Amino acid sequence: MDQQPDPTDDPGPVDEPDQVGEPGPTEWPTSVGVGPWAGPWPTDPRYDPQLLAEGDRRNVVDGYRYWTVEAVVADLDRRRHPFHVAIENFGHDLNIGTVVRTANAFLAAEVHVVGRRRWNRRGAMVTDRYQHLRHHPDVAALLDHARAEGLAVVAVDNGPGAVPLETADLPAACVLLFGEEGPGLTPEARAGADLTVAIAQFGSTRSLNAGVAAGIAMHAWIRQHTSPTGHGG
């Protein structure tokens, strides 16, 4: 399999919409969320006049109802965790949207897309608006960035040399690196990792879905480095 980025890929920004028909500002049924603001409008600049007038049906916790996207991102930036998530995208992996949505739920510092710039956003359910994203053309660029930022690279892979995720000490400042569905991590990614961890499996399948594996690994980091309180919603 050719592991090089496709030179015909769209060179636009990493957060450029990739699919027609993606969820818009009202991405949930009208029974979800809140309707128009009742009573005098708040003067706090974090509130969005359009949402106040029309209601807020977004997939956000109640504390962010009626806030602008910019205000939500600014508040999240005050609290982001020091772990990052990276996923290889040499074959246009459809799991990236799920990874982004989970990274938002666990308040990752940033999601890194390695390889193809464009990715299917349907699984993200618009959470990419609130999650910092960065593109790297290849694994070498990701590894250079991680070293420059003082981030340990933790590969999640069930190959030789991996230690059990369940007993591993995950660095606080790290990049959790995942391969794409099917081929898994490239040899360059495995060789460049500071630590490789494997998720315990007990059935017949040789590997987990990439989006599922990412969620398990992120939660393992959360269990080691945060208190058991969150925003819920």
Protein backbone atom coordinates (compact mmCIF):
# COMPACT_ATOMS: atom_id res chain seq x y z
CA MET A 1 0.00 0.00 0.00
CA ASP A 2 1.31 3.44 -0.92
CA GLN A 3 1.81 5.35 2.33
CA GLN A 4 2.65 8.69 0.72
CA PRO A 5 0.17 11.59 0.84
CA ASP A 6 -1.79 11.95 -2.37
CA PRO A 7 -0.31 14.95 -4.28
CA THR A 8 -3.76 15.69 -5.67
CA ASP A 9 -5.21 16.28 -2.24
CA ASP A 10 -6.91 19.59 -1.67
CA PRO A 11 -4.26 21.95 -0.18
CA GLY A 12 -6.87 23.99 1.68
CA PRO A 13 -7.08 24.36 5.46
CA VAL A 14 -7.43 21.20 7.53
CA ASP A 15 -10.85 22.28 8.77
CA GLU A 16 -12.29 22.86 5.30
CA PRO A 17 -15.63 21.03 4.93
CA ASP A 18 -15.13 17.72 3.16
CA GLN A 19 -18.65 16.48 2.55
CA VAL A 20 -21.89 17.89 1.25
CA GLY A 21 -24.88 17.46 3.46
CA GLU A 22 -22.97 17.67 6.74
CA PRO A 23 -24.80 18.71 9.90
CA GLY A 24 -25.24 22.45 10.15
CA PRO A 25 -25.63 24.78 13.14
CA THR A 26 -28.84 22.98 14.09
CA GLU A 27 -27.41 19.48 14.09
CA TRP A 28 -29.91 17.89 16.48
CA PRO A 29 -33.70 17.53 16.38
CA THR A 30 -35.71 20.50 17.60
CA SER A 31 -36.65 18.55 20.75
CA VAL A 32 -32.99 18.72 21.85
CA GLY A 33 -31.49 21.83 23.42
CA VAL A 34 -33.37 25.00 24.26
CA GLY A 35 -35.72 27.36 22.45
CA PRO A 36 -35.48 31.15 22.10
CA TRP A 37 -34.31 33.05 25.18
CA ALA A 38 -37.21 34.04 27.46
CA GLY A 39 -37.09 37.48 29.05
CA PRO A 40 -34.58 40.32 28.69
CA TRP A 41 -31.52 39.33 26.71
CA PRO A 42 -28.19 39.04 28.57
CA THR A 43 -25.55 41.66 27.82
CA ASP A 44 -22.62 39.27 28.17
CA PRO A 45 -20.70 39.37 24.84
CA ARG A 46 -20.30 35.59 24.93
CA TYR A 47 -23.93 35.18 23.93
CA ASP A 48 -24.90 34.85 20.26
CA PRO A 49 -27.85 37.08 19.23
CA GLN A 50 -29.01 34.60 16.60
CA LEU A 51 -29.06 31.73 19.08
CA LEU A 52 -30.86 33.86 21.64
CA ALA A 53 -33.52 34.67 19.05
CA GLU A 54 -33.89 31.23 17.47
CA GLY A 55 -32.87 28.80 20.20
CA ASP A 56 -29.80 26.62 20.63
CA ARG A 57 -30.07 23.03 19.35
CA ARG A 58 -26.32 22.34 19.21
CA ASN A 59 -24.55 19.37 20.75
CA VAL A 60 -23.06 21.36 23.65
CA VAL A 61 -23.32 21.06 27.42
CA ASP A 62 -25.92 23.27 29.08
CA GLY A 63 -23.30 25.68 30.39
CA TYR A 64 -22.51 26.74 26.82
CA ARG A 65 -26.08 27.25 25.66
CA TYR A 66 -26.47 30.40 23.54
CA TRP A 67 -22.70 31.09 23.54
CA THR A 68 -20.88 31.89 20.32
CA VAL A 69 -18.50 29.26 18.95
CA GLU A 70 -15.59 31.61 19.64
CA ALA A 71 -16.62 32.02 23.27
CA VAL A 72 -16.94 28.27 23.76
CA VAL A 73 -13.50 27.64 22.25
CA ALA A 74 -11.93 30.37 24.41
CA ASP A 75 -13.39 28.81 27.55
CA LEU A 76 -12.26 25.32 26.54
CA ASP A 77 -8.77 26.68 25.89
CA ARG A 78 -8.50 27.69 29.55
CA ARG A 79 -8.96 24.06 30.62
CA ARG A 80 -7.52 21.85 27.88
CA HIS A 81 -5.54 18.80 28.89
CA PRO A 82 -1.90 18.44 27.80
CA PHE A 83 -2.43 15.29 25.75
CA HIS A 84 -2.72 15.40 21.96
CA VAL A 85 -4.15 12.87 19.53
CA ALA A 86 -2.75 12.01 16.11
CA ILE A 87 -4.13 9.68 13.47
CA GLU A 88 -2.61 8.62 10.19
CA ASN A 89 -4.80 9.35 7.17
CA PHE A 90 -2.95 8.01 4.17
CA GLY A 91 -6.00 6.12 2.92
CA HIS A 92 -8.77 8.58 3.83
CA ASP A 93 -9.73 6.89 7.10
CA LEU A 94 -13.42 7.27 7.92
CA ASN A 95 -12.73 7.02 11.67
CA ILE A 96 -11.19 10.47 11.99
CA GLY A 97 -14.53 12.14 12.68
CA THR A 98 -15.09 9.79 15.61
CA VAL A 99 -11.58 10.48 16.90
CA VAL A 100 -12.18 14.24 16.75
CA ARG A 101 -15.51 13.95 18.55
CA THR A 102 -13.95 11.85 21.32
CA ALA A 103 -10.96 14.20 21.60
CA ASN A 104 -13.40 17.05 22.13
CA ALA A 105 -15.25 15.09 24.80
CA PHE A 106 -12.01 14.45 26.70
CA LEU A 107 -10.71 18.00 26.05
CA ALA A 108 -7.54 17.11 24.16
CA ALA A 109 -5.18 19.95 23.41
CA GLU A 110 -5.12 19.25 19.68
CA VAL A 111 -5.88 16.63 17.04
CA HIS A 112 -3.20 16.00 14.41
CA VAL A 113 -4.13 14.57 11.02
CA VAL A 114 -1.12 12.93 9.34
CA GLY A 115 -1.11 12.29 5.61
CA ARG A 116 -4.12 13.32 3.56
CA ARG A 117 -5.40 16.71 4.55
CA ARG A 118 -9.07 16.09 3.90
CA TRP A 119 -11.20 13.82 6.05
CA ASN A 120 -14.85 12.88 6.41
CA ARG A 121 -16.45 15.11 9.02
CA ARG A 122 -19.77 13.33 9.47
CA GLY A 123 -18.60 11.37 12.50
CA ALA A 124 -17.34 14.54 14.21
CA MET A 125 -20.92 15.84 14.59
CA VAL A 126 -19.66 19.42 14.29
CA THR A 127 -17.32 19.07 17.30
CA ASP A 128 -14.42 20.02 14.99
CA ARG A 129 -15.62 23.62 15.40
CA TYR A 130 -14.50 23.47 19.02
CA GLN A 131 -11.40 21.29 18.68
CA HIS A 132 -7.99 22.53 17.53
CA LEU A 133 -6.79 20.64 14.46
CA ARG A 134 -3.36 20.50 12.83
CA HIS A 135 -2.21 18.83 9.62
CA HIS A 136 1.15 17.18 8.99
CA PRO A 137 2.07 15.86 5.52
CA ASP A 138 3.88 12.83 6.92
CA VAL A 139 4.97 11.09 10.11
CA ALA A 140 8.37 12.82 10.10
CA ALA A 141 6.68 16.21 10.33
CA LEU A 142 4.52 15.03 13.24
CA LEU A 143 7.54 13.67 15.10
CA ASP A 144 9.47 16.92 14.56
CA HIS A 145 6.54 18.90 15.92
CA ALA A 146 6.21 16.63 18.96
CA ARG A 147 9.90 16.97 19.81
CA ALA A 148 9.77 20.75 19.42
CA GLU A 149 6.78 20.91 21.79
CA GLY A 150 8.24 18.49 24.35
CA LEU A 151 5.55 15.86 23.72
CA ALA A 152 6.25 12.16 24.13
CA VAL A 153 4.88 10.07 21.27
CA VAL A 154 2.79 7.11 22.47
CA ALA A 155 1.89 4.71 19.68
CA VAL A 156 -1.23 2.63 20.25
CA ASP A 157 -0.56 -0.62 18.42
CA ASN A 158 -0.82 -4.32 19.25
CA GLY A 159 2.44 -5.27 17.53
CA PRO A 160 5.67 -6.62 18.98
CA GLY A 161 7.24 -4.63 21.80
CA ALA A 162 4.01 -3.07 23.01
CA VAL A 163 3.29 -2.87 26.73
CA PRO A 164 -0.24 -3.24 28.11
CA LEU A 165 -2.14 0.05 28.09
CA GLU A 166 -3.90 -1.08 31.25
CA THR A 167 -0.66 -0.98 33.28
CA ALA A 168 1.39 1.60 31.34
CA ASP A 169 2.26 4.97 32.83
CA LEU A 170 1.17 7.42 30.18
CA PRO A 171 3.13 10.70 30.06
CA ALA A 172 1.06 13.75 30.93
CA ALA A 173 2.31 15.73 27.92
CA CYS A 174 2.06 13.33 25.01
CA VAL A 175 0.69 12.54 21.59
CA LEU A 176 -1.44 9.40 21.40
CA LEU A 177 -0.72 8.15 17.89
CA PHE A 178 -3.07 5.86 15.99
CA GLY A 179 -2.83 4.13 12.65
CA GLU A 180 -5.63 4.10 10.14
CA GLU A 181 -8.19 1.34 9.84
CA GLY A 182 -6.76 -1.82 8.26
CA PRO A 183 -3.00 -1.36 7.92
CA GLY A 184 -2.53 0.24 11.32
CA LEU A 185 0.52 2.34 12.08
CA THR A 186 3.16 2.81 9.43
CA PRO A 187 6.69 1.51 10.15
CA GLU A 188 7.85 5.13 10.43
CA ALA A 189 5.32 5.79 13.18
CA ARG A 190 6.26 2.67 15.12
CA ALA A 191 9.97 3.46 14.88
CA GLY A 192 9.52 7.07 15.98
CA ALA A 193 7.40 6.37 19.07
CA ASP A 194 8.81 6.81 22.56
CA LEU A 195 6.38 4.22 23.93
CA THR A 196 4.07 1.68 22.33
CA VAL A 197 1.00 0.42 24.17
CA ALA A 198 -1.50 -2.29 23.30
CA ILE A 199 -5.14 -2.58 24.37
CA ALA A 200 -5.98 -5.96 25.88
CA GLN A 201 -8.26 -8.06 23.66
CA PHE A 202 -9.86 -11.43 24.37
CA GLY A 203 -11.81 -12.38 21.26
CA SER A 204 -10.97 -13.60 17.76
CA THR A 205 -10.43 -10.27 16.00
CA ARG A 206 -6.82 -9.17 15.51
CA SER A 207 -7.50 -5.47 16.02
CA LEU A 208 -9.99 -2.90 17.25
CA ASN A 209 -11.70 -0.26 15.16
CA ALA A 210 -9.42 2.79 15.09
CA GLY A 211 -12.09 5.11 16.49
CA VAL A 212 -12.84 2.72 19.35
CA ALA A 213 -9.15 2.23 20.15
CA ALA A 214 -8.66 6.00 20.28
CA GLY A 215 -11.50 6.40 22.74
CA ILE A 216 -10.15 3.67 25.01
CA ALA A 217 -6.65 5.16 25.01
CA MET A 218 -7.87 8.70 25.66
CA HIS A 219 -9.95 7.49 28.58
CA ALA A 220 -6.92 5.67 29.97
CA TRP A 221 -5.06 8.99 29.95
CA ILE A 222 -8.02 10.70 31.63
CA ARG A 223 -8.13 8.06 34.39
CA GLN A 224 -4.44 8.58 35.16
CA HIS A 225 -4.22 12.35 35.01
CA THR A 226 -7.56 13.95 35.94
CA SER A 227 -10.06 14.00 38.75
CA PRO A 228 -13.30 12.06 38.23
CA THR A 229 -15.36 15.19 37.63
CA GLY A 230 -16.41 16.60 34.31
CA HIS A 231 -19.02 18.67 32.62
CA GLY A 232 -21.36 15.92 31.49
CA GLY A 233 -24.26 17.00 29.39
